[in-house]
Amino acid sequence: MTKRNRKKEENVQDVNRFMREVESAMHVDNMLAFWNDHKFKIVSGVVGLFVVVTSWQWYAQTAEKGLKKQADALWSIEQNVDVAPEKYNTIIENGSKGYQTYAWFAKAESFVAQGEFNQASAIYSDIAKNANEKEFAELANLKLAMMMIEKDVSKAQPILKELAENEGVFTLSAKELLAISYEKQNEQEKALKLYENLVVNPALPQPMRQRVQGRVDALNRGA
């Protein structure tokens, strides 16, 4: 066994242990508390880690099912820092369902990295509309809103409001982004009210609480 393959197998074992915690948390509808325990630091980090660990889960599962060639194909793509969107097409066209979903997310991220926001938006919208798993639909909508918030706040807000009201996996992140969107529109009172509601939520992870409290203090000072 090569050093690289040995390291890969060790990583899979580590992630499998991590994913058992994830699955346990999801089974008891307690993902937010799980995230709080692991102290995810920023909104994009939360989303990014969700995609990373699910991709690792698919790697482990497909390897166990004898689909190692497919798993290795995606793994090899992900080792490259700059990945062209078309690199994911083979997996999208021929992969199993879980790998196809992850490859679509990864392809959208590649478009974002290249500044091709219309292409990325189309992919996220399609995932949000057609994903069977609620979590992936919500993740796609959150990624779409995160991209839109810098381009057109008015289009991002309806998506964020729906996510904030659904009480799903990404509710807290959606509320924070919604408050940020209000600040971008100079609606400081709306932003402050939402930040204040967030900061007293016992499920709020500590890094997010510190960030939100900072905005509460700044807005109360008129900053």
Protein backbone atom coordinates (compact mmCIF):
# COMPACT_ATOMS: atom_id res chain seq x y z
CA MET A 1 0.00 0.00 0.00
CA THR A 2 1.40 3.39 -0.97
CA LYS A 3 1.82 6.17 1.56
CA ARG A 4 -0.86 8.22 -0.20
CA ASN A 5 -3.39 5.35 -0.20
CA ARG A 6 -2.63 4.60 3.45
CA LYS A 7 -3.23 8.26 4.33
CA LYS A 8 -6.47 8.25 2.34
CA GLU A 9 -7.74 5.18 4.20
CA GLU A 10 -6.81 6.73 7.54
CA ASN A 11 -8.73 9.86 6.56
CA VAL A 12 -11.76 7.80 5.57
CA GLN A 13 -11.70 6.04 8.94
CA ASP A 14 -11.47 9.36 10.77
CA VAL A 15 -14.29 10.85 8.74
CA ASN A 16 -16.42 7.74 9.23
CA ARG A 17 -16.19 8.25 12.98
CA PHE A 18 -17.06 11.91 12.53
CA MET A 19 -19.97 11.04 10.24
CA ARG A 20 -21.43 8.64 12.80
CA GLU A 21 -21.70 11.63 15.10
CA VAL A 22 -23.29 13.64 12.28
CA GLU A 23 -25.82 10.91 11.52
CA SER A 24 -26.66 10.49 15.19
CA ALA A 25 -27.23 14.22 15.53
CA MET A 26 -29.45 14.27 12.44
CA HIS A 27 -31.47 11.27 13.62
CA VAL A 28 -32.43 13.12 16.81
CA ASP A 29 -33.07 16.34 14.91
CA ASN A 30 -30.26 18.03 16.77
CA MET A 31 -27.87 19.17 14.05
CA LEU A 32 -27.69 22.72 15.39
CA ALA A 33 -26.51 21.48 18.78
CA PHE A 34 -23.97 19.28 17.03
CA TRP A 35 -22.66 22.29 15.12
CA ASN A 36 -22.48 24.23 18.36
CA ASP A 37 -20.31 21.49 19.90
CA HIS A 38 -17.90 21.66 16.97
CA LYS A 39 -17.85 25.48 16.96
CA PHE A 40 -18.00 26.27 13.26
CA LYS A 41 -16.53 29.71 12.87
CA ILE A 42 -18.20 31.41 9.91
CA VAL A 43 -21.30 31.02 7.79
CA SER A 44 -19.39 29.88 4.74
CA GLY A 45 -17.40 27.50 6.90
CA VAL A 46 -20.58 25.84 8.09
CA VAL A 47 -21.79 25.33 4.55
CA GLY A 48 -18.39 24.26 3.30
CA LEU A 49 -17.90 21.68 6.03
CA PHE A 50 -21.38 20.27 5.44
CA VAL A 51 -20.50 19.63 1.81
CA VAL A 52 -17.06 18.25 2.65
CA VAL A 53 -18.24 15.74 5.22
CA THR A 54 -21.11 14.56 3.05
CA SER A 55 -18.72 14.05 0.17
CA TRP A 56 -16.49 11.99 2.46
CA GLN A 57 -19.50 9.98 3.57
CA TRP A 58 -20.30 9.18 -0.05
CA TYR A 59 -16.67 8.25 -0.62
CA ALA A 60 -16.74 5.75 2.26
CA GLN A 61 -20.13 4.32 1.34
CA THR A 62 -19.39 3.86 -2.34
CA ALA A 63 -15.99 2.35 -1.55
CA GLU A 64 -17.72 -0.19 0.69
CA LYS A 65 -20.19 -0.98 -2.09
CA GLY A 66 -17.41 -1.69 -4.56
CA LEU A 67 -17.72 1.65 -6.35
CA LYS A 68 -14.17 2.66 -5.50
CA LYS A 69 -13.38 3.76 -9.06
CA GLN A 70 -16.10 6.40 -8.87
CA ALA A 71 -14.98 7.49 -5.41
CA ASP A 72 -11.36 7.75 -6.51
CA ALA A 73 -12.37 9.80 -9.54
CA LEU A 74 -14.02 12.44 -7.38
CA TRP A 75 -11.19 12.31 -4.84
CA SER A 76 -8.60 12.94 -7.53
CA ILE A 77 -10.53 15.95 -8.85
CA GLU A 78 -10.86 17.44 -5.37
CA GLN A 79 -7.09 17.35 -4.80
CA ASN A 80 -6.64 20.06 -7.43
CA VAL A 81 -6.82 23.63 -6.16
CA ASP A 82 -8.23 25.10 -9.36
CA VAL A 83 -10.79 22.78 -10.91
CA ALA A 84 -12.54 23.56 -14.19
CA PRO A 85 -16.32 23.05 -13.97
CA GLU A 86 -16.33 20.54 -16.83
CA LYS A 87 -14.09 18.21 -14.80
CA TYR A 88 -17.20 17.16 -12.88
CA ASN A 89 -19.27 16.26 -15.95
CA THR A 90 -18.31 12.58 -16.07
CA ILE A 91 -19.36 12.05 -12.46
CA ILE A 92 -22.56 14.02 -13.02
CA GLU A 93 -23.42 11.92 -16.07
CA ASN A 94 -22.33 8.50 -14.81
CA GLY A 95 -22.09 8.66 -11.03
CA SER A 96 -24.45 7.33 -8.41
CA LYS A 97 -27.06 9.71 -7.05
CA GLY A 98 -25.08 10.93 -4.04
CA TYR A 99 -21.97 11.60 -6.09
CA GLN A 100 -23.99 13.38 -8.75
CA THR A 101 -25.42 15.76 -6.15
CA TYR A 102 -22.03 16.53 -4.67
CA ALA A 103 -20.51 16.96 -8.14
CA TRP A 104 -23.23 19.48 -9.01
CA PHE A 105 -22.41 21.49 -5.87
CA ALA A 106 -18.70 21.32 -6.66
CA LYS A 107 -19.30 22.37 -10.26
CA ALA A 108 -21.30 25.39 -9.08
CA GLU A 109 -18.45 26.35 -6.75
CA SER A 110 -16.04 26.12 -9.68
CA PHE A 111 -18.22 28.52 -11.65
CA VAL A 112 -18.31 30.93 -8.69
CA ALA A 113 -14.51 30.79 -8.44
CA GLN A 114 -14.32 31.77 -12.11
CA GLY A 115 -16.84 34.58 -11.70
CA GLU A 116 -19.45 32.74 -13.79
CA PHE A 117 -22.31 33.56 -11.43
CA ASN A 118 -25.18 32.95 -13.86
CA GLN A 119 -24.04 29.36 -14.42
CA ALA A 120 -23.61 28.79 -10.69
CA SER A 121 -27.02 30.32 -9.99
CA ALA A 122 -28.68 28.00 -12.50
CA ILE A 123 -27.14 24.94 -10.83
CA TYR A 124 -28.09 25.99 -7.30
CA SER A 125 -31.64 26.78 -8.43
CA ASP A 126 -31.95 23.38 -10.07
CA ILE A 127 -30.69 21.55 -6.97
CA ALA A 128 -33.04 23.54 -4.74
CA LYS A 129 -35.98 22.65 -6.95
CA ASN A 130 -35.22 18.98 -7.59
CA ALA A 131 -33.23 17.62 -4.63
CA ASN A 132 -35.06 14.85 -2.81
CA GLU A 133 -33.26 15.58 0.45
CA LYS A 134 -34.52 18.70 2.23
CA GLU A 135 -31.05 19.48 3.58
CA PHE A 136 -29.54 19.66 0.10
CA ALA A 137 -32.37 21.82 -1.21
CA GLU A 138 -31.85 24.21 1.71
CA LEU A 139 -28.09 24.18 1.25
CA ALA A 140 -28.48 25.06 -2.43
CA ASN A 141 -30.81 27.93 -1.55
CA LEU A 142 -28.42 29.21 1.10
CA LYS A 143 -25.49 29.09 -1.31
CA LEU A 144 -27.62 30.88 -3.90
CA ALA A 145 -28.54 33.60 -1.41
CA MET A 146 -24.92 33.99 -0.28
CA MET A 147 -23.96 34.62 -3.89
CA MET A 148 -26.87 36.99 -4.54
CA ILE A 149 -26.37 39.08 -1.42
CA GLU A 150 -23.35 40.75 -3.01
CA LYS A 151 -25.09 41.18 -6.37
CA ASP A 152 -28.76 41.87 -5.66
CA VAL A 153 -29.90 41.95 -2.03
CA SER A 154 -33.57 42.18 -3.00
CA LYS A 155 -33.35 38.77 -4.70
CA ALA A 156 -31.48 37.18 -1.82
CA GLN A 157 -33.93 38.27 0.87
CA PRO A 158 -36.98 36.14 -0.11
CA ILE A 159 -34.77 33.04 -0.13
CA LEU A 160 -33.28 33.90 3.26
CA LYS A 161 -36.68 34.69 4.78
CA GLU A 162 -38.02 31.30 3.74
CA LEU A 163 -34.98 29.50 5.14
CA ALA A 164 -35.22 31.50 8.36
CA GLU A 165 -38.87 30.56 8.82
CA ASN A 166 -38.46 26.85 8.02
CA GLU A 167 -36.51 26.04 11.19
CA GLY A 168 -34.24 23.72 9.23
CA VAL A 169 -30.55 22.90 9.42
CA PHE A 170 -29.48 26.30 8.09
CA THR A 171 -31.98 28.51 9.95
CA LEU A 172 -29.45 30.37 12.10
CA SER A 173 -27.11 31.01 9.19
CA ALA A 174 -30.05 32.27 7.13
CA LYS A 175 -31.10 34.67 9.89
CA GLU A 176 -27.61 36.08 10.22
CA LEU A 177 -27.36 36.59 6.47
CA LEU A 178 -30.82 38.17 6.44
CA ALA A 179 -29.71 40.67 9.08
CA ILE A 180 -26.62 41.43 7.00
CA SER A 181 -28.85 42.03 3.99
CA TYR A 182 -30.89 44.55 5.98
CA GLU A 183 -27.71 46.39 6.90
CA LYS A 184 -26.75 46.51 3.24
CA GLN A 185 -30.08 48.24 2.57
CA ASN A 186 -29.54 50.66 5.47
CA GLU A 187 -32.48 49.13 7.34
CA GLN A 188 -30.64 49.22 10.62
CA GLU A 189 -33.67 48.77 12.88
CA LYS A 190 -34.68 45.56 11.12
CA ALA A 191 -31.12 44.29 11.28
CA LEU A 192 -30.78 45.13 14.98
CA LYS A 193 -34.05 43.41 15.89
CA LEU A 194 -32.99 40.24 14.09
CA TYR A 195 -29.50 40.30 15.61
CA GLU A 196 -31.00 40.76 19.08
CA ASN A 197 -33.34 37.81 18.57
CA LEU A 198 -30.43 35.71 17.38
CA VAL A 199 -28.01 36.53 20.17
CA VAL A 200 -30.37 35.20 22.88
CA ASN A 201 -30.94 31.91 21.05
CA PRO A 202 -29.34 29.17 23.21
CA ALA A 203 -28.57 27.10 20.09
CA LEU A 204 -26.37 29.83 18.60
CA PRO A 205 -22.74 28.65 18.25
CA GLN A 206 -20.31 30.75 20.28
CA PRO A 207 -18.33 32.18 17.33
CA MET A 208 -21.59 33.26 15.68
CA ARG A 209 -22.82 34.67 19.01
CA GLN A 210 -19.67 36.80 19.30
CA ARG A 211 -20.10 38.02 15.74
CA VAL A 212 -23.79 38.83 16.22
CA GLN A 213 -23.17 40.52 19.59
CA GLY A 214 -20.57 42.66 17.88
CA ARG A 215 -23.16 43.86 15.37
CA VAL A 216 -25.69 44.51 18.15
CA ASP A 217 -23.15 46.67 19.99
CA ALA A 218 -22.13 48.48 16.81
CA LEU A 219 -25.70 49.25 15.75
CA ASN A 220 -26.62 50.44 19.24
CA ARG A 221 -23.67 52.85 19.03
CA GLY A 222 -24.89 53.99 15.65
CA ALA A 223 -21.81 52.55 13.93
